[in-house]
PDB file of all heavy atoms in Angstrom:
ATOM      1  N   PHE A   1       0.837  -1.193   0.000  1.00  0.00           N
ATOM      2  CA  PHE A   1       0.000   0.000   0.000  1.00  0.00           C
ATOM      3  C   PHE A   1       0.877   1.249   0.000  1.00  0.00           C
ATOM      4  O   PHE A   1       1.973   1.263   0.571  1.00  0.00           O
ATOM      5  CB  PHE A   1      -0.887   0.047   1.244  1.00  0.00           C
ATOM      6  CG  PHE A   1      -1.967  -0.992   1.300  1.00  0.00           C
ATOM      7  CD1 PHE A   1      -2.029  -2.048   0.403  1.00  0.00           C
ATOM      8  CD2 PHE A   1      -2.947  -0.904   2.283  1.00  0.00           C
ATOM      9  CE1 PHE A   1      -3.024  -3.005   0.473  1.00  0.00           C
ATOM     10  CE2 PHE A   1      -3.952  -1.852   2.363  1.00  0.00           C
ATOM     11  CZ  PHE A   1      -3.992  -2.903   1.461  1.00  0.00           C
ATOM     12  N   THR A   2       0.362   2.306  -0.602  1.00  0.00           N
ATOM     13  CA  THR A   2       1.057   3.578  -0.610  1.00  0.00           C
ATOM     14  C   THR A   2       0.072   4.693  -0.288  1.00  0.00           C
ATOM     15  O   THR A   2      -0.960   4.819  -0.951  1.00  0.00           O
ATOM     16  CB  THR A   2       1.712   3.862  -1.968  1.00  0.00           C
ATOM     17  OG1 THR A   2       2.614   2.798  -2.298  1.00  0.00           O
ATOM     18  CG2 THR A   2       2.502   5.169  -1.916  1.00  0.00           C
ATOM     19  N   ILE A   3       0.396   5.480   0.719  1.00  0.00           N
ATOM     20  CA  ILE A   3      -0.439   6.618   1.072  1.00  0.00           C
ATOM     21  C   ILE A   3       0.186   7.879   0.497  1.00  0.00           C
ATOM     22  O   ILE A   3       1.387   8.101   0.608  1.00  0.00           O
ATOM     23  CB  ILE A   3      -0.623   6.726   2.600  1.00  0.00           C
ATOM     24  CG1 ILE A   3      -1.614   7.848   2.944  1.00  0.00           C
ATOM     25  CG2 ILE A   3       0.701   6.928   3.318  1.00  0.00           C
ATOM     26  CD1 ILE A   3      -2.030   7.861   4.407  1.00  0.00           C
ATOM     27  N   THR A   4      -0.632   8.689  -0.140  1.00  0.00           N
ATOM     28  CA  THR A   4      -0.184   9.956  -0.694  1.00  0.00           C
ATOM     29  C   THR A   4      -1.263  10.999  -0.459  1.00  0.00           C
ATOM     30  O   THR A   4      -2.399  10.675  -0.119  1.00  0.00           O
ATOM     31  CB  THR A   4       0.114   9.862  -2.199  1.00  0.00           C
ATOM     32  OG1 THR A   4      -1.057   9.409  -2.897  1.00  0.00           O
ATOM     33  CG2 THR A   4       1.264   8.913  -2.477  1.00  0.00           C
ATOM     34  N   ARG A   5      -0.895  12.239  -0.649  1.00  0.00           N
ATOM     35  CA  ARG A   5      -1.884  13.300  -0.561  1.00  0.00           C
ATOM     36  C   ARG A   5      -1.570  14.375  -1.584  1.00  0.00           C
ATOM     37  O   ARG A   5      -0.413  14.609  -1.932  1.00  0.00           O
ATOM     38  CB  ARG A   5      -1.955  13.882   0.853  1.00  0.00           C
ATOM     39  CG  ARG A   5      -0.728  14.669   1.290  1.00  0.00           C
ATOM     40  CD  ARG A   5      -0.763  14.969   2.790  1.00  0.00           C
ATOM     41  NE  ARG A   5      -1.966  15.701   3.166  1.00  0.00           N
ATOM     42  CZ  ARG A   5      -2.447  15.793   4.404  1.00  0.00           C
ATOM     43  NH1 ARG A   5      -1.811  15.158   5.403  1.00  0.00           N
ATOM     44  NH2 ARG A   5      -3.539  16.493   4.653  1.00  0.00           N
ATOM     45  N   ASP A   6      -2.621  15.013  -2.045  1.00  0.00           N
ATOM     46  CA  ASP A   6      -2.511  16.132  -2.954  1.00  0.00           C
ATOM     47  C   ASP A   6      -3.212  17.288  -2.263  1.00  0.00           C
ATOM     48  O   ASP A   6      -4.432  17.415  -2.332  1.00  0.00           O
ATOM     49  CB  ASP A   6      -3.150  15.813  -4.296  1.00  0.00           C
ATOM     50  CG  ASP A   6      -2.985  16.926  -5.306  1.00  0.00           C
ATOM     51  OD1 ASP A   6      -2.658  18.060  -4.915  1.00  0.00           O
ATOM     52  OD2 ASP A   6      -3.185  16.667  -6.505  1.00  0.00           O
ATOM     53  N   ASN A   7      -2.435  18.102  -1.590  1.00  0.00           N
ATOM     54  CA  ASN A   7      -3.037  19.173  -0.805  1.00  0.00           C
ATOM     55  C   ASN A   7      -3.708  20.231  -1.679  1.00  0.00           C
ATOM     56  O   ASN A   7      -4.648  20.892  -1.241  1.00  0.00           O
ATOM     57  CB  ASN A   7      -1.991  19.813   0.102  1.00  0.00           C
ATOM     58  CG  ASN A   7      -1.632  18.930   1.273  1.00  0.00           C
ATOM     59  OD1 ASN A   7      -2.324  17.949   1.565  1.00  0.00           O
ATOM     60  ND2 ASN A   7      -0.554  19.267   1.966  1.00  0.00           N
ATOM     61  N   ALA A   8      -3.215  20.401  -2.892  1.00  0.00           N
ATOM     62  CA  ALA A   8      -3.851  21.342  -3.798  1.00  0.00           C
ATOM     63  C   ALA A   8      -5.271  20.905  -4.132  1.00  0.00           C
ATOM     64  O   ALA A   8      -6.145  21.743  -4.364  1.00  0.00           O
ATOM     65  CB  ALA A   8      -3.037  21.493  -5.075  1.00  0.00           C
ATOM     66  N   GLU A   9      -5.489  19.588  -4.146  1.00  0.00           N
ATOM     67  CA  GLU A   9      -6.816  19.046  -4.418  1.00  0.00           C
ATOM     68  C   GLU A   9      -7.543  18.645  -3.141  1.00  0.00           C
ATOM     69  O   GLU A   9      -8.675  18.165  -3.213  1.00  0.00           O
ATOM     70  CB  GLU A   9      -6.709  17.836  -5.343  1.00  0.00           C
ATOM     71  CG  GLU A   9      -6.090  18.139  -6.696  1.00  0.00           C
ATOM     72  CD  GLU A   9      -7.006  18.939  -7.589  1.00  0.00           C
ATOM     73  OE1 GLU A   9      -8.231  18.954  -7.340  1.00  0.00           O
ATOM     74  OE2 GLU A   9      -6.512  19.564  -8.546  1.00  0.00           O
ATOM     75  N   SER A  10      -6.898  18.820  -2.004  1.00  0.00           N
ATOM     76  CA  SER A  10      -7.464  18.440  -0.708  1.00  0.00           C
ATOM     77  C   SER A  10      -7.902  16.977  -0.702  1.00  0.00           C
ATOM     78  O   SER A  10      -8.973  16.625  -0.194  1.00  0.00           O
ATOM     79  CB  SER A  10      -8.644  19.346  -0.345  1.00  0.00           C
ATOM     80  OG  SER A  10      -8.231  20.687  -0.238  1.00  0.00           O
ATOM     81  N   THR A  11      -7.053  16.127  -1.255  1.00  0.00           N
ATOM     82  CA  THR A  11      -7.407  14.727  -1.418  1.00  0.00           C
ATOM     83  C   THR A  11      -6.311  13.816  -0.877  1.00  0.00           C
ATOM     84  O   THR A  11      -5.126  14.035  -1.126  1.00  0.00           O
ATOM     85  CB  THR A  11      -7.666  14.394  -2.890  1.00  0.00           C
ATOM     86  OG1 THR A  11      -8.686  15.262  -3.399  1.00  0.00           O
ATOM     87  CG2 THR A  11      -8.125  12.959  -3.047  1.00  0.00           C
ATOM     88  N   LEU A  12      -6.724  12.810  -0.160  1.00  0.00           N
ATOM     89  CA  LEU A  12      -5.861  11.759   0.353  1.00  0.00           C
ATOM     90  C   LEU A  12      -6.103  10.502  -0.459  1.00  0.00           C
ATOM     91  O   LEU A  12      -7.249  10.199  -0.816  1.00  0.00           O
ATOM     92  CB  LEU A  12      -6.177  11.506   1.825  1.00  0.00           C
ATOM     93  CG  LEU A  12      -5.394  10.399   2.527  1.00  0.00           C
ATOM     94  CD1 LEU A  12      -3.962  10.859   2.791  1.00  0.00           C
ATOM     95  CD2 LEU A  12      -6.091  10.007   3.827  1.00  0.00           C
ATOM     96  N   TYR A  13      -5.041   9.756  -0.717  1.00  0.00           N
ATOM     97  CA  TYR A  13      -5.153   8.534  -1.497  1.00  0.00           C
ATOM     98  C   TYR A  13      -4.541   7.361  -0.757  1.00  0.00           C
ATOM     99  O   TYR A  13      -3.625   7.508   0.044  1.00  0.00           O
ATOM    100  CB  TYR A  13      -4.436   8.671  -2.841  1.00  0.00           C
ATOM    101  CG  TYR A  13      -4.965   9.759  -3.727  1.00  0.00           C
ATOM    102  CD1 TYR A  13      -4.332  10.997  -3.778  1.00  0.00           C
ATOM    103  CD2 TYR A  13      -6.082   9.553  -4.520  1.00  0.00           C
ATOM    104  CE1 TYR A  13      -4.804  12.006  -4.599  1.00  0.00           C
ATOM    105  CE2 TYR A  13      -6.563  10.550  -5.342  1.00  0.00           C
ATOM    106  CZ  TYR A  13      -5.925  11.772  -5.383  1.00  0.00           C
ATOM    107  OH  TYR A  13      -6.403  12.760  -6.205  1.00  0.00           O
ATOM    108  N   LEU A  14      -5.049   6.195  -1.063  1.00  0.00           N
ATOM    109  CA  LEU A  14      -4.422   4.958  -0.634  1.00  0.00           C
ATOM    110  C   LEU A  14      -4.400   4.028  -1.832  1.00  0.00           C
ATOM    111  O   LEU A  14      -5.446   3.513  -2.247  1.00  0.00           O
ATOM    112  CB  LEU A  14      -5.167   4.310   0.532  1.00  0.00           C
ATOM    113  CG  LEU A  14      -4.507   3.054   1.101  1.00  0.00           C
ATOM    114  CD1 LEU A  14      -3.193   3.406   1.794  1.00  0.00           C
ATOM    115  CD2 LEU A  14      -5.442   2.334   2.069  1.00  0.00           C
ATOM    116  N   GLN A  15      -3.225   3.845  -2.392  1.00  0.00           N
ATOM    117  CA  GLN A  15      -3.053   2.904  -3.488  1.00  0.00           C
ATOM    118  C   GLN A  15      -2.792   1.534  -2.896  1.00  0.00           C
ATOM    119  O   GLN A  15      -1.829   1.350  -2.151  1.00  0.00           O
ATOM    120  CB  GLN A  15      -1.888   3.322  -4.380  1.00  0.00           C
ATOM    121  CG  GLN A  15      -1.616   2.366  -5.539  1.00  0.00           C
ATOM    122  CD  GLN A  15      -2.737   2.336  -6.542  1.00  0.00           C
ATOM    123  OE1 GLN A  15      -3.229   3.379  -6.956  1.00  0.00           O
ATOM    124  NE2 GLN A  15      -3.161   1.137  -6.933  1.00  0.00           N
ATOM    125  N   MET A  16      -3.637   0.583  -3.217  1.00  0.00           N
ATOM    126  CA  MET A  16      -3.554  -0.754  -2.663  1.00  0.00           C
ATOM    127  C   MET A  16      -3.265  -1.737  -3.786  1.00  0.00           C
ATOM    128  O   MET A  16      -4.082  -1.912  -4.691  1.00  0.00           O
ATOM    129  CB  MET A  16      -4.848  -1.129  -1.938  1.00  0.00           C
ATOM    130  CG  MET A  16      -5.250  -0.140  -0.851  1.00  0.00           C
ATOM    131  SD  MET A  16      -6.711  -0.685   0.083  1.00  0.00           S
ATOM    132  CE  MET A  16      -7.959  -0.576  -1.204  1.00  0.00           C
ATOM    133  N   ASN A  17      -2.117  -2.359  -3.717  1.00  0.00           N
ATOM    134  CA  ASN A  17      -1.707  -3.345  -4.710  1.00  0.00           C
ATOM    135  C   ASN A  17      -1.570  -4.714  -4.061  1.00  0.00           C
ATOM    136  O   ASN A  17      -1.458  -4.829  -2.844  1.00  0.00           O
ATOM    137  CB  ASN A  17      -0.377  -2.945  -5.350  1.00  0.00           C
ATOM    138  CG  ASN A  17      -0.443  -1.638  -6.091  1.00  0.00           C
ATOM    139  OD1 ASN A  17      -1.465  -1.297  -6.674  1.00  0.00           O
ATOM    140  ND2 ASN A  17       0.667  -0.900  -6.092  1.00  0.00           N
ATOM    141  N   SER A  18      -1.558  -5.735  -4.883  1.00  0.00           N
ATOM    142  CA  SER A  18      -1.400  -7.112  -4.402  1.00  0.00           C
ATOM    143  C   SER A  18      -2.366  -7.407  -3.267  1.00  0.00           C
ATOM    144  O   SER A  18      -1.992  -7.955  -2.227  1.00  0.00           O
ATOM    145  CB  SER A  18       0.048  -7.356  -3.962  1.00  0.00           C
ATOM    146  OG  SER A  18       0.949  -7.131  -5.029  1.00  0.00           O
ATOM    147  N   LEU A  19      -3.609  -7.054  -3.469  1.00  0.00           N
ATOM    148  CA  LEU A  19      -4.612  -7.215  -2.423  1.00  0.00           C
ATOM    149  C   LEU A  19      -4.832  -8.685  -2.077  1.00  0.00           C
ATOM    150  O   LEU A  19      -4.774  -9.560  -2.947  1.00  0.00           O
ATOM    151  CB  LEU A  19      -5.920  -6.572  -2.844  1.00  0.00           C
ATOM    152  CG  LEU A  19      -5.934  -5.048  -2.729  1.00  0.00           C
ATOM    153  CD1 LEU A  19      -7.063  -4.456  -3.554  1.00  0.00           C
ATOM    154  CD2 LEU A  19      -6.067  -4.637  -1.266  1.00  0.00           C
ATOM    155  N   GLU A  20      -5.079  -8.909  -0.812  1.00  0.00           N
ATOM    156  CA  GLU A  20      -5.297 -10.243  -0.272  1.00  0.00           C
ATOM    157  C   GLU A  20      -6.663 -10.293   0.401  1.00  0.00           C
ATOM    158  O   GLU A  20      -7.188  -9.265   0.825  1.00  0.00           O
ATOM    159  CB  GLU A  20      -4.203 -10.582   0.746  1.00  0.00           C
ATOM    160  CG  GLU A  20      -2.798 -10.467   0.195  1.00  0.00           C
ATOM    161  CD  GLU A  20      -1.730 -10.504   1.269  1.00  0.00           C
ATOM    162  OE1 GLU A  20      -2.088 -10.450   2.474  1.00  0.00           O
ATOM    163  OE2 GLU A  20      -0.546 -10.592   0.919  1.00  0.00           O
ATOM    164  N   PRO A  21      -7.258 -11.483   0.517  1.00  0.00           N
ATOM    165  CA  PRO A  21      -8.548 -11.573   1.214  1.00  0.00           C
ATOM    166  C   PRO A  21      -8.511 -10.977   2.615  1.00  0.00           C
ATOM    167  O   PRO A  21      -9.522 -10.442   3.083  1.00  0.00           O
ATOM    168  CB  PRO A  21      -8.813 -13.082   1.246  1.00  0.00           C
ATOM    169  CG  PRO A  21      -8.128 -13.593   0.023  1.00  0.00           C
ATOM    170  CD  PRO A  21      -6.871 -12.763  -0.089  1.00  0.00           C
ATOM    171  N   GLU A  22      -7.368 -11.043   3.270  1.00  0.00           N
ATOM    172  CA  GLU A  22      -7.217 -10.489   4.612  1.00  0.00           C
ATOM    173  C   GLU A  22      -7.337  -8.973   4.637  1.00  0.00           C
ATOM    174  O   GLU A  22      -7.480  -8.383   5.710  1.00  0.00           O
ATOM    175  CB  GLU A  22      -5.876 -10.913   5.216  1.00  0.00           C
ATOM    176  CG  GLU A  22      -5.763 -12.410   5.506  1.00  0.00           C
ATOM    177  CD  GLU A  22      -5.542 -13.258   4.258  1.00  0.00           C
ATOM    178  OE1 GLU A  22      -5.156 -12.707   3.210  1.00  0.00           O
ATOM    179  OE2 GLU A  22      -5.766 -14.485   4.338  1.00  0.00           O
ATOM    180  N   ASP A  23      -7.267  -8.342   3.481  1.00  0.00           N
ATOM    181  CA  ASP A  23      -7.433  -6.895   3.401  1.00  0.00           C
ATOM    182  C   ASP A  23      -8.901  -6.478   3.390  1.00  0.00           C
ATOM    183  O   ASP A  23      -9.202  -5.283   3.440  1.00  0.00           O
ATOM    184  CB  ASP A  23      -6.751  -6.343   2.154  1.00  0.00           C
ATOM    185  CG  ASP A  23      -5.247  -6.548   2.177  1.00  0.00           C
ATOM    186  OD1 ASP A  23      -4.626  -6.301   3.230  1.00  0.00           O
ATOM    187  OD2 ASP A  23      -4.688  -6.953   1.130  1.00  0.00           O
ATOM    188  N   THR A  24      -9.803  -7.431   3.309  1.00  0.00           N
ATOM    189  CA  THR A  24     -11.230  -7.124   3.280  1.00  0.00           C
ATOM    190  C   THR A  24     -11.646  -6.418   4.559  1.00  0.00           C
ATOM    191  O   THR A  24     -11.421  -6.916   5.660  1.00  0.00           O
ATOM    192  CB  THR A  24     -12.047  -8.400   3.094  1.00  0.00           C
ATOM    193  OG1 THR A  24     -11.753  -8.967   1.810  1.00  0.00           O
ATOM    194  CG2 THR A  24     -13.536  -8.113   3.186  1.00  0.00           C
TER     195      THR A  24
END
């Protein structure tokens, strides 16, 4: 997972890769 933010857009992101059932 990667957390990023774009303060100009007032937006927070969470990029989730290689998801597993345990991430549900």
